[in-house]
Amino acid sequence: MPIANLNGIQLSYEVSGDGPLVVLVMGTGSPGSVWRSYQVPALVKAGFRVATMDNRGIAPTDGGLGGMRFEDLVGDTAALIQHLGGPAHVVGTSMGARVVQELALARPELVRKAVMMATVGRPHPLAQLLNRGEQAMITEKVTLPTEYAASIKAMLNLSPHTLADPDQAQQWLDIFEYSAGTKPSPGVLAQLAMDRSQNRLAEYARIRVPSLVVGFADDRMAPPMFGREVAEAIPGARYVEIEKCGHYGYLERPDEVNRVLVDFLTATE
């Protein structure tokens, strides 16, 4: 993967395909390669040039060890778009969706269309407490049994419809149990520690780029009502809700998610 000196850090990214540029922004703690299982092939097939990146703090991208702000991630994404000859369509999920929202607000000239999946625009006490708990486990070096950690991750991030199928459930649990043995990096801790305490909905009323918000019906981490609020705040934004998937909806129901993405990005205004 290429590494470029952008926005004061060494940023790792990868580009596939030819056509209009789409930049994909991943959520907390995950590398950009997660997009490459489903979304990158679908978007390349639809005629796009697709860039994924490892967010600040996710190796081999560096930065963030002295603290991290959403403004830093917005600056990184903006710098990559400029490096690749933007403007670009920009798609994000979870934390990445928050980055896309703030990018559309701060640097609209770089964003052709914005897609935010599993997003929120204001804090919620449960999400804040869970976030602090995750930080505490890392800083206090608490290691959960991998079986328990995998089970909790599945219940938090997957739909009951996915977990109702024993074979599907076991495949996911195997993945989560394997990854549970990996110690979170300081960069992941920095991402978790970013300030999420502000209600940004009023600010999003100033977004003018064509926007799509995608909610996942069974999402426990970012319940659909929060995504609907974001769509209602952005003038002219569309809202689409996909059934039978949770916070990892883009992996649980990739065909439906990809169809929605391609339809929105290829539609003429």
Protein backbone atom coordinates (compact mmCIF):
# COMPACT_ATOMS: atom_id res chain seq x y z
CA MET A 1 0.00 0.00 0.00
CA PRO A 2 1.31 3.49 -0.80
CA ILE A 3 2.23 5.76 2.08
CA ALA A 4 2.19 9.52 1.63
CA ASN A 5 3.25 12.37 3.90
CA LEU A 6 -0.10 14.17 4.28
CA ASN A 7 -1.38 16.57 6.92
CA GLY A 8 1.73 16.04 9.03
CA ILE A 9 1.55 12.22 9.20
CA GLN A 10 2.52 9.20 7.15
CA LEU A 11 -0.85 8.07 5.77
CA SER A 12 -1.38 4.60 4.29
CA TYR A 13 -3.92 4.25 1.49
CA GLU A 14 -4.85 2.06 -1.47
CA VAL A 15 -6.59 2.90 -4.75
CA SER A 16 -8.46 0.58 -7.12
CA GLY A 17 -10.31 1.13 -10.39
CA ASP A 18 -10.80 4.05 -12.74
CA GLY A 19 -13.43 6.75 -12.89
CA PRO A 20 -14.83 9.32 -10.47
CA LEU A 21 -13.06 9.19 -7.10
CA VAL A 22 -14.73 7.65 -4.04
CA VAL A 23 -12.97 7.79 -0.67
CA LEU A 24 -14.09 5.34 2.05
CA VAL A 25 -13.57 6.23 5.72
CA MET A 26 -13.65 3.42 8.29
CA GLY A 27 -14.85 3.42 11.90
CA THR A 28 -12.99 3.23 15.21
CA GLY A 29 -10.18 0.71 15.48
CA SER A 30 -10.55 -0.86 12.03
CA PRO A 31 -8.19 -0.69 9.04
CA GLY A 32 -9.32 0.56 5.66
CA SER A 33 -8.93 -2.94 4.24
CA VAL A 34 -12.28 -3.89 5.81
CA TRP A 35 -13.94 -2.06 2.91
CA ARG A 36 -12.19 -4.27 0.40
CA SER A 37 -14.28 -7.37 1.12
CA TYR A 38 -17.48 -5.98 -0.39
CA GLN A 39 -17.70 -2.24 -1.02
CA VAL A 40 -14.53 -1.73 -3.07
CA PRO A 41 -15.32 -4.47 -5.65
CA ALA A 42 -18.90 -3.24 -6.05
CA LEU A 43 -17.87 0.39 -6.52
CA VAL A 44 -15.05 -0.48 -8.94
CA LYS A 45 -17.50 -2.58 -10.96
CA ALA A 46 -19.84 0.43 -11.05
CA GLY A 47 -17.07 2.52 -12.66
CA PHE A 48 -15.46 4.33 -9.74
CA ARG A 49 -11.86 4.85 -8.65
CA VAL A 50 -11.98 3.84 -4.99
CA ALA A 51 -9.55 4.86 -2.25
CA THR A 52 -9.38 3.26 1.19
CA MET A 53 -7.10 4.46 3.95
CA ASP A 54 -5.92 3.51 7.40
CA ASN A 55 -7.12 6.30 9.65
CA ARG A 56 -4.71 8.20 11.87
CA GLY A 57 -3.56 5.84 14.64
CA ILE A 58 -4.15 2.62 12.64
CA ALA A 59 -0.81 1.15 11.52
CA PRO A 60 0.98 1.66 9.23
CA THR A 61 -0.54 5.15 9.32
CA ASP A 62 0.95 6.99 12.27
CA GLY A 63 -0.13 9.99 14.34
CA GLY A 64 -2.52 10.48 17.19
CA LEU A 65 -0.35 9.31 20.04
CA GLY A 66 -0.27 12.80 21.51
CA GLY A 67 -4.06 13.03 21.33
CA MET A 68 -6.54 13.07 18.49
CA ARG A 69 -9.46 15.23 17.38
CA PHE A 70 -12.09 14.81 14.71
CA GLU A 71 -10.51 17.84 13.06
CA ASP A 72 -7.33 15.79 12.58
CA LEU A 73 -9.18 12.99 10.81
CA VAL A 74 -11.06 15.52 8.67
CA GLY A 75 -7.74 17.10 7.72
CA ASP A 76 -6.25 13.71 6.85
CA THR A 77 -9.20 12.84 4.61
CA ALA A 78 -9.13 16.24 2.93
CA ALA A 79 -5.39 15.90 2.28
CA LEU A 80 -5.86 12.46 0.71
CA ILE A 81 -8.63 13.73 -1.56
CA GLN A 82 -6.39 16.57 -2.71
CA HIS A 83 -3.45 14.18 -3.15
CA LEU A 84 -5.59 11.97 -5.39
CA GLY A 85 -6.89 14.86 -7.49
CA GLY A 86 -10.34 15.35 -5.91
CA PRO A 87 -13.06 16.37 -5.32
CA ALA A 88 -14.49 12.99 -4.37
CA HIS A 89 -17.59 11.21 -3.25
CA VAL A 90 -16.92 10.36 0.42
CA VAL A 91 -18.45 7.44 2.32
CA GLY A 92 -17.99 6.73 6.02
CA THR A 93 -19.36 4.40 8.65
CA SER A 94 -19.65 4.99 12.41
CA MET A 95 -16.70 7.19 13.43
CA GLY A 96 -15.93 7.52 9.73
CA ALA A 97 -19.43 8.88 9.12
CA ARG A 98 -18.80 11.60 11.70
CA VAL A 99 -15.62 12.47 9.78
CA VAL A 100 -17.60 12.70 6.53
CA GLN A 101 -20.19 14.99 8.12
CA GLU A 102 -17.52 17.33 9.44
CA LEU A 103 -15.63 17.24 6.13
CA ALA A 104 -18.78 18.18 4.21
CA LEU A 105 -19.21 21.09 6.61
CA ALA A 106 -15.59 22.29 6.69
CA ARG A 107 -14.40 21.53 3.13
CA PRO A 108 -17.48 21.28 0.87
CA GLU A 109 -15.40 22.03 -2.23
CA LEU A 110 -13.75 18.62 -1.82
CA VAL A 111 -16.98 16.61 -1.50
CA ARG A 112 -19.18 15.76 -4.47
CA LYS A 113 -21.60 13.58 -2.50
CA ALA A 114 -21.52 12.44 1.12
CA VAL A 115 -22.74 9.11 2.51
CA MET A 116 -22.92 8.50 6.25
CA MET A 117 -23.72 5.02 7.57
CA ALA A 118 -24.47 4.12 11.20
CA THR A 119 -24.01 7.71 12.26
CA VAL A 120 -25.04 10.08 15.03
CA GLY A 121 -25.01 13.83 15.46
CA ARG A 122 -25.28 14.15 19.22
CA PRO A 123 -24.02 12.30 22.31
CA HIS A 124 -26.02 9.71 24.23
CA PRO A 125 -25.24 8.66 27.83
CA LEU A 126 -25.14 4.92 27.06
CA ALA A 127 -22.73 5.32 24.16
CA GLN A 128 -20.52 7.65 26.19
CA LEU A 129 -20.39 5.22 29.12
CA LEU A 130 -19.56 2.29 26.85
CA ASN A 131 -16.81 4.35 25.24
CA ARG A 132 -15.31 5.23 28.65
CA GLY A 133 -15.51 1.58 29.66
CA GLU A 134 -13.61 0.51 26.54
CA GLN A 135 -10.94 3.10 27.26
CA ALA A 136 -10.67 1.96 30.87
CA MET A 137 -10.17 -1.67 29.87
CA ILE A 138 -7.26 -0.63 27.66
CA THR A 139 -5.58 1.77 30.08
CA GLU A 140 -6.06 -0.57 33.08
CA LYS A 141 -4.88 -3.56 31.00
CA VAL A 142 -8.05 -5.56 31.60
CA THR A 143 -8.12 -8.69 29.45
CA LEU A 144 -11.49 -10.35 29.01
CA PRO A 145 -11.68 -14.06 28.17
CA THR A 146 -11.72 -14.23 24.38
CA GLU A 147 -14.95 -16.24 24.37
CA TYR A 148 -16.73 -13.57 26.41
CA ALA A 149 -15.26 -10.68 24.42
CA ALA A 150 -16.34 -12.31 21.14
CA SER A 151 -19.87 -12.90 22.43
CA ILE A 152 -20.28 -9.32 23.61
CA LYS A 153 -18.94 -7.92 20.34
CA ALA A 154 -21.37 -10.05 18.36
CA MET A 155 -24.35 -8.96 20.45
CA LEU A 156 -23.40 -5.29 20.20
CA ASN A 157 -22.60 -5.16 16.49
CA LEU A 158 -24.70 -7.80 14.71
CA SER A 159 -28.40 -8.17 14.07
CA PRO A 160 -30.42 -10.84 15.91
CA HIS A 161 -31.38 -12.05 12.42
CA THR A 162 -27.71 -12.78 11.68
CA LEU A 163 -27.15 -14.49 15.01
CA ALA A 164 -30.30 -16.62 14.61
CA ASP A 165 -28.48 -18.67 11.97
CA PRO A 166 -26.09 -20.99 13.88
CA ASP A 167 -23.65 -21.29 10.98
CA GLN A 168 -23.49 -17.54 10.41
CA ALA A 169 -23.22 -16.88 14.11
CA GLN A 170 -20.34 -19.33 14.47
CA GLN A 171 -18.44 -17.78 11.56
CA TRP A 172 -18.71 -14.33 13.13
CA LEU A 173 -17.82 -15.61 16.59
CA ASP A 174 -14.72 -17.32 15.22
CA ILE A 175 -13.60 -14.01 13.67
CA PHE A 176 -14.31 -12.04 16.84
CA GLU A 177 -12.65 -14.61 19.09
CA TYR A 178 -9.52 -14.55 16.95
CA SER A 179 -9.34 -10.73 16.95
CA ALA A 180 -10.11 -10.54 20.69
CA GLY A 181 -6.60 -11.81 21.38
CA THR A 182 -5.07 -8.73 19.73
CA LYS A 183 -4.02 -6.00 22.15
CA PRO A 184 -5.54 -2.59 21.21
CA SER A 185 -2.91 -0.14 20.06
CA PRO A 186 -2.31 3.33 21.49
CA GLY A 187 -3.76 4.67 18.24
CA VAL A 188 -7.06 2.87 18.86
CA LEU A 189 -7.13 4.29 22.39
CA ALA A 190 -6.59 7.76 20.92
CA GLN A 191 -9.53 7.27 18.57
CA LEU A 192 -11.75 6.17 21.45
CA ALA A 193 -10.65 9.16 23.51
CA MET A 194 -11.70 11.78 20.96
CA ASP A 195 -14.27 14.28 22.20
CA ARG A 196 -17.76 13.12 21.21
CA SER A 197 -19.63 15.28 23.73
CA GLN A 198 -20.92 17.97 21.38
CA ASN A 199 -24.36 18.09 19.78
CA ARG A 200 -23.56 18.94 16.14
CA LEU A 201 -27.05 18.72 14.64
CA ALA A 202 -27.57 22.47 14.46
CA GLU A 203 -24.24 22.86 12.64
CA TYR A 204 -25.18 20.22 10.08
CA ALA A 205 -27.96 22.50 8.85
CA ARG A 206 -25.14 24.33 7.00
CA ILE A 207 -24.13 21.28 4.94
CA ARG A 208 -24.96 21.82 1.28
CA VAL A 209 -23.43 18.84 -0.49
CA PRO A 210 -25.84 16.08 -1.67
CA SER A 211 -26.07 13.72 1.29
CA LEU A 212 -27.34 10.23 2.07
CA VAL A 213 -27.68 8.80 5.57
CA VAL A 214 -27.96 5.01 5.87
CA GLY A 215 -29.31 3.48 9.05
CA PHE A 216 -29.16 -0.18 10.03
CA ALA A 217 -32.45 -1.28 11.57
CA ASP A 218 -30.96 -3.43 14.35
CA ASP A 219 -27.99 -1.20 15.16
CA ARG A 220 -27.40 -1.06 18.93
CA MET A 221 -24.29 1.12 18.73
CA ALA A 222 -25.84 3.85 16.56
CA PRO A 223 -29.62 3.27 16.63
CA PRO A 224 -31.39 4.38 13.44
CA MET A 225 -33.19 7.25 15.17
CA PHE A 226 -29.85 9.04 15.49
CA GLY A 227 -29.18 8.66 11.77
CA ARG A 228 -32.64 9.99 10.97
CA GLU A 229 -31.83 13.05 13.08
CA VAL A 230 -28.70 13.69 11.01
CA ALA A 231 -30.66 13.33 7.76
CA GLU A 232 -33.34 15.72 9.05
CA ALA A 233 -30.66 18.26 10.03
CA ILE A 234 -28.94 18.31 6.60
CA PRO A 235 -30.98 20.22 4.01
CA GLY A 236 -32.19 17.90 1.24
CA ALA A 237 -30.53 14.79 2.70
CA ARG A 238 -31.99 11.38 1.96
CA TYR A 239 -32.41 8.68 4.59
CA VAL A 240 -32.46 4.93 3.85
CA GLU A 241 -32.83 2.20 6.46
CA ILE A 242 -31.68 -1.34 5.77
CA GLU A 243 -33.42 -4.16 7.60
CA LYS A 244 -32.01 -7.22 9.38
CA CYS A 245 -28.54 -5.82 10.06
CA GLY A 246 -26.72 -4.17 12.95
CA HIS A 247 -23.76 -1.82 13.30
CA TYR A 248 -21.76 -3.93 10.85
CA GLY A 249 -24.55 -3.73 8.28
CA TYR A 250 -22.13 -3.09 5.41
CA LEU A 251 -20.70 -6.56 6.14
CA GLU A 252 -23.92 -8.32 7.15
CA ARG A 253 -26.02 -7.13 4.18
CA PRO A 254 -23.38 -6.01 1.66
CA ASP A 255 -25.53 -6.46 -1.45
CA GLU A 256 -28.24 -4.15 -0.13
CA VAL A 257 -25.71 -1.61 1.13
CA ASN A 258 -23.79 -1.63 -2.14
CA ARG A 259 -26.96 -1.20 -4.18
CA VAL A 260 -27.90 1.86 -2.12
CA LEU A 261 -24.40 3.32 -2.44
CA VAL A 262 -24.13 2.80 -6.18
CA ASP A 263 -27.65 4.10 -6.86
CA PHE A 264 -26.97 7.29 -4.90
CA LEU A 265 -23.48 7.93 -6.27
CA THR A 266 -24.48 7.34 -9.91
CA ALA A 267 -27.75 9.28 -9.78
CA THR A 268 -27.82 12.59 -11.61
CA GLU A 269 -28.97 15.52 -9.53
